[in-house]
Amino acid sequence: MRKAFVIVTGVLLAVFALQFVFAAVGAFTRPGGDGSYTLHSITGMAVIPGLCLLTIVCAVLARAPGRVLAMTVLPLGLVILQALIAMLARAFTDASGASTTVSLVIGGLHAVNAIIVVHVVVGVLRAAQELAAPGPTVPVTQR
């Protein structure tokens, strides 16, 4: 199960990388219609949360130490925060739906949070790899 934990975490990281590509596709689509962020939205609202849950299940079944398990749960919380930040940014658009200074600043926080989530997932992947490594190693909990 520990190898499954590594694999699922690696897939989660790859999907996050694709999510940045999907955001860029939406941002650079001209004209930027409502459908320009469809891939980004579907991935962020369905695929990533599902993979986060699957990663948590794999960590539990792999009997990951408490610290690693907590790190594995953190991306799901940050993904929920991502959705809240996006909703808040949309709430500060003007009556016609155009961006305002406030909505752009909040939208920037959406990007910063995404970078944080990726760094957490990289940490989870490293911990999962250490957990799955054969032989005597320094336990993840002693770092």
C-alpha atoms as a PDB file:
ATOM      1  CA  MET A   1       0.000   0.000   0.000  1.00  0.00           C
ATOM      2  CA  ARG A   2       2.959   2.288   0.530  1.00  0.00           C
ATOM      3  CA  LYS A   3       3.832   2.162  -3.160  1.00  0.00           C
ATOM      4  CA  ALA A   4       0.209   3.015  -3.967  1.00  0.00           C
ATOM      5  CA  PHE A   5       0.552   6.018  -1.646  1.00  0.00           C
ATOM      6  CA  VAL A   6       3.594   7.162  -3.669  1.00  0.00           C
ATOM      7  CA  ILE A   7       1.862   6.600  -7.006  1.00  0.00           C
ATOM      8  CA  VAL A   8      -1.367   8.375  -6.079  1.00  0.00           C
ATOM      9  CA  THR A   9       0.561  11.309  -4.616  1.00  0.00           C
ATOM     10  CA  GLY A  10       2.627  11.515  -7.808  1.00  0.00           C
ATOM     11  CA  VAL A  11      -0.542  11.541  -9.892  1.00  0.00           C
ATOM     12  CA  LEU A  12      -1.949  14.291  -7.666  1.00  0.00           C
ATOM     13  CA  LEU A  13       1.188  16.374  -8.241  1.00  0.00           C
ATOM     14  CA  ALA A  14       0.957  15.821 -12.006  1.00  0.00           C
ATOM     15  CA  VAL A  15      -2.691  16.903 -12.014  1.00  0.00           C
ATOM     16  CA  PHE A  16      -1.748  20.059 -10.118  1.00  0.00           C
ATOM     17  CA  ALA A  17       0.837  20.799 -12.826  1.00  0.00           C
ATOM     18  CA  LEU A  18      -1.883  20.346 -15.453  1.00  0.00           C
ATOM     19  CA  GLN A  19      -4.119  22.635 -13.439  1.00  0.00           C
ATOM     20  CA  PHE A  20      -1.620  25.466 -13.942  1.00  0.00           C
ATOM     21  CA  VAL A  21      -1.693  24.754 -17.688  1.00  0.00           C
ATOM     22  CA  PHE A  22      -5.507  24.819 -17.677  1.00  0.00           C
ATOM     23  CA  ALA A  23      -5.460  28.163 -15.838  1.00  0.00           C
ATOM     24  CA  ALA A  24      -3.097  29.562 -18.456  1.00  0.00           C
ATOM     25  CA  VAL A  25      -5.362  28.293 -21.247  1.00  0.00           C
ATOM     26  CA  GLY A  26      -8.257  30.157 -19.641  1.00  0.00           C
ATOM     27  CA  ALA A  27      -6.220  33.300 -19.100  1.00  0.00           C
ATOM     28  CA  PHE A  28      -4.839  33.450 -22.619  1.00  0.00           C
ATOM     29  CA  THR A  29      -7.982  32.479 -24.529  1.00  0.00           C
ATOM     30  CA  ARG A  30      -9.122  35.367 -26.716  1.00  0.00           C
ATOM     31  CA  PRO A  31     -11.837  36.422 -26.381  1.00  0.00           C
ATOM     32  CA  GLY A  32     -12.084  35.183 -22.803  1.00  0.00           C
ATOM     33  CA  GLY A  33     -15.571  33.734 -22.720  1.00  0.00           C
ATOM     34  CA  ASP A  34     -17.255  31.820 -19.928  1.00  0.00           C
ATOM     35  CA  GLY A  35     -15.966  28.494 -21.270  1.00  0.00           C
ATOM     36  CA  SER A  36     -12.306  29.445 -21.220  1.00  0.00           C
ATOM     37  CA  TYR A  37     -11.781  28.118 -17.687  1.00  0.00           C
ATOM     38  CA  THR A  38     -13.893  24.952 -18.069  1.00  0.00           C
ATOM     39  CA  LEU A  39     -10.974  22.504 -17.815  1.00  0.00           C
ATOM     40  CA  HIS A  40      -9.554  24.445 -14.875  1.00  0.00           C
ATOM     41  CA  SER A  41     -12.914  24.429 -13.085  1.00  0.00           C
ATOM     42  CA  ILE A  42     -13.693  20.746 -13.630  1.00  0.00           C
ATOM     43  CA  THR A  43     -10.225  19.684 -12.568  1.00  0.00           C
ATOM     44  CA  GLY A  44     -10.232  21.930  -9.507  1.00  0.00           C
ATOM     45  CA  MET A  45     -13.743  21.122  -8.332  1.00  0.00           C
ATOM     46  CA  ALA A  46     -13.884  17.377  -9.048  1.00  0.00           C
ATOM     47  CA  VAL A  47     -10.631  15.691 -10.046  1.00  0.00           C
ATOM     48  CA  ILE A  48      -8.271  17.263  -7.508  1.00  0.00           C
ATOM     49  CA  PRO A  49     -10.561  16.872  -4.460  1.00  0.00           C
ATOM     50  CA  GLY A  50     -11.162  13.239  -5.433  1.00  0.00           C
ATOM     51  CA  LEU A  51      -7.434  12.603  -5.752  1.00  0.00           C
ATOM     52  CA  CYS A  52      -6.830  14.351  -2.418  1.00  0.00           C
ATOM     53  CA  LEU A  53      -9.318  11.993  -0.761  1.00  0.00           C
ATOM     54  CA  LEU A  54      -7.734   8.977  -2.463  1.00  0.00           C
ATOM     55  CA  THR A  55      -4.306  10.123  -1.267  1.00  0.00           C
ATOM     56  CA  ILE A  56      -5.613  10.368   2.299  1.00  0.00           C
ATOM     57  CA  VAL A  57      -7.074   6.841   2.076  1.00  0.00           C
ATOM     58  CA  CYS A  58      -3.753   5.512   0.754  1.00  0.00           C
ATOM     59  CA  ALA A  59      -1.858   7.240   3.572  1.00  0.00           C
ATOM     60  CA  VAL A  60      -4.162   5.676   6.157  1.00  0.00           C
ATOM     61  CA  LEU A  61      -3.876   2.223   4.593  1.00  0.00           C
ATOM     62  CA  ALA A  62      -0.079   2.629   4.335  1.00  0.00           C
ATOM     63  CA  ARG A  63      -0.053   3.348   8.062  1.00  0.00           C
ATOM     64  CA  ALA A  64       1.723   6.635   7.579  1.00  0.00           C
ATOM     65  CA  PRO A  65       2.894   8.364  10.761  1.00  0.00           C
ATOM     66  CA  GLY A  66       0.672  11.082  12.206  1.00  0.00           C
ATOM     67  CA  ARG A  67       2.737  13.966  10.827  1.00  0.00           C
ATOM     68  CA  VAL A  68       2.667  12.520   7.305  1.00  0.00           C
ATOM     69  CA  LEU A  69      -1.052  11.839   7.586  1.00  0.00           C
ATOM     70  CA  ALA A  70      -1.652  15.441   8.673  1.00  0.00           C
ATOM     71  CA  MET A  71       0.431  16.681   5.730  1.00  0.00           C
ATOM     72  CA  THR A  72      -1.668  14.473   3.455  1.00  0.00           C
ATOM     73  CA  VAL A  73      -4.916  16.022   4.700  1.00  0.00           C
ATOM     74  CA  LEU A  74      -3.625  19.594   4.307  1.00  0.00           C
ATOM     75  CA  PRO A  75      -3.957  19.769   0.477  1.00  0.00           C
ATOM     76  CA  LEU A  76      -7.682  19.003   0.704  1.00  0.00           C
ATOM     77  CA  GLY A  77      -8.156  21.903   3.117  1.00  0.00           C
ATOM     78  CA  LEU A  78      -6.124  24.187   0.872  1.00  0.00           C
ATOM     79  CA  VAL A  79      -8.189  23.104  -2.159  1.00  0.00           C
ATOM     80  CA  ILE A  80     -11.356  24.047  -0.271  1.00  0.00           C
ATOM     81  CA  LEU A  81      -9.717  27.387   0.511  1.00  0.00           C
ATOM     82  CA  GLN A  82      -8.960  27.731  -3.241  1.00  0.00           C
ATOM     83  CA  ALA A  83     -12.657  27.469  -4.047  1.00  0.00           C
ATOM     84  CA  LEU A  84     -13.528  30.008  -1.362  1.00  0.00           C
ATOM     85  CA  ILE A  85     -10.912  32.458  -2.649  1.00  0.00           C
ATOM     86  CA  ALA A  86     -12.247  32.104  -6.209  1.00  0.00           C
ATOM     87  CA  MET A  87     -15.819  32.731  -5.025  1.00  0.00           C
ATOM     88  CA  LEU A  88     -14.692  35.745  -3.034  1.00  0.00           C
ATOM     89  CA  ALA A  89     -12.843  37.164  -6.051  1.00  0.00           C
ATOM     90  CA  ARG A  90     -15.994  36.753  -8.163  1.00  0.00           C
ATOM     91  CA  ALA A  91     -18.032  38.479  -5.457  1.00  0.00           C
ATOM     92  CA  PHE A  92     -15.941  41.631  -5.867  1.00  0.00           C
ATOM     93  CA  THR A  93     -16.430  42.003  -9.622  1.00  0.00           C
ATOM     94  CA  ASP A  94     -18.489  44.968 -10.796  1.00  0.00           C
ATOM     95  CA  ALA A  95     -22.131  44.800 -11.942  1.00  0.00           C
ATOM     96  CA  SER A  96     -21.138  43.826 -15.495  1.00  0.00           C
ATOM     97  CA  GLY A  97     -18.867  41.014 -14.213  1.00  0.00           C
ATOM     98  CA  ALA A  98     -15.639  42.848 -15.005  1.00  0.00           C
ATOM     99  CA  SER A  99     -12.691  42.609 -12.640  1.00  0.00           C
ATOM    100  CA  THR A 100     -12.063  45.269 -10.045  1.00  0.00           C
ATOM    101  CA  THR A 101      -8.847  46.024  -8.201  1.00  0.00           C
ATOM    102  CA  VAL A 102     -10.103  44.129  -5.159  1.00  0.00           C
ATOM    103  CA  SER A 103     -11.154  41.094  -7.204  1.00  0.00           C
ATOM    104  CA  LEU A 104      -7.752  41.029  -8.912  1.00  0.00           C
ATOM    105  CA  VAL A 105      -5.896  41.145  -5.583  1.00  0.00           C
ATOM    106  CA  ILE A 106      -8.043  38.324  -4.228  1.00  0.00           C
ATOM    107  CA  GLY A 107      -7.527  36.428  -7.490  1.00  0.00           C
ATOM    108  CA  GLY A 108      -3.796  36.809  -6.929  1.00  0.00           C
ATOM    109  CA  LEU A 109      -4.225  35.084  -3.570  1.00  0.00           C
ATOM    110  CA  HIS A 110      -5.825  32.208  -5.482  1.00  0.00           C
ATOM    111  CA  ALA A 111      -2.551  31.801  -7.396  1.00  0.00           C
ATOM    112  CA  VAL A 112      -0.400  32.117  -4.259  1.00  0.00           C
ATOM    113  CA  ASN A 113      -2.486  29.468  -2.495  1.00  0.00           C
ATOM    114  CA  ALA A 114      -2.074  27.183  -5.519  1.00  0.00           C
ATOM    115  CA  ILE A 115       1.707  27.459  -5.225  1.00  0.00           C
ATOM    116  CA  ILE A 116       1.478  26.624  -1.521  1.00  0.00           C
ATOM    117  CA  VAL A 117      -0.656  23.545  -2.251  1.00  0.00           C
ATOM    118  CA  VAL A 118       1.873  22.291  -4.791  1.00  0.00           C
ATOM    119  CA  HIS A 119       4.698  22.679  -2.266  1.00  0.00           C
ATOM    120  CA  VAL A 120       2.712  20.738   0.328  1.00  0.00           C
ATOM    121  CA  VAL A 121       2.021  17.948  -2.189  1.00  0.00           C
ATOM    122  CA  VAL A 122       5.748  17.797  -3.028  1.00  0.00           C
ATOM    123  CA  GLY A 123       6.409  17.356   0.707  1.00  0.00           C
ATOM    124  CA  VAL A 124       3.789  14.607   0.909  1.00  0.00           C
ATOM    125  CA  LEU A 125       5.347  12.865  -2.094  1.00  0.00           C
ATOM    126  CA  ARG A 126       8.802  12.981  -0.502  1.00  0.00           C
ATOM    127  CA  ALA A 127       7.421  11.605   2.765  1.00  0.00           C
ATOM    128  CA  ALA A 128       5.549   8.853   0.898  1.00  0.00           C
ATOM    129  CA  GLN A 129       8.740   7.926  -0.976  1.00  0.00           C
ATOM    130  CA  GLU A 130      10.667   7.721   2.301  1.00  0.00           C
ATOM    131  CA  LEU A 131       7.929   5.600   3.806  1.00  0.00           C
ATOM    132  CA  ALA A 132       8.019   3.207   0.840  1.00  0.00           C
ATOM    133  CA  ALA A 133      11.823   3.024   0.644  1.00  0.00           C
ATOM    134  CA  PRO A 134      13.247  -0.379   1.531  1.00  0.00           C
ATOM    135  CA  GLY A 135      15.867  -0.752   4.189  1.00  0.00           C
ATOM    136  CA  PRO A 136      16.746   1.211   7.291  1.00  0.00           C
ATOM    137  CA  THR A 137      16.148   4.908   6.926  1.00  0.00           C
ATOM    138  CA  VAL A 138      15.537   7.729   9.309  1.00  0.00           C
ATOM    139  CA  PRO A 139      11.811   7.670  10.078  1.00  0.00           C
ATOM    140  CA  VAL A 140       9.830  10.573   8.617  1.00  0.00           C
ATOM    141  CA  THR A 141       8.633  11.520  12.110  1.00  0.00           C
ATOM    142  CA  GLN A 142      12.212  12.182  13.298  1.00  0.00           C
ATOM    143  CA  ARG A 143      12.953  15.004  10.826  1.00  0.00           C
END
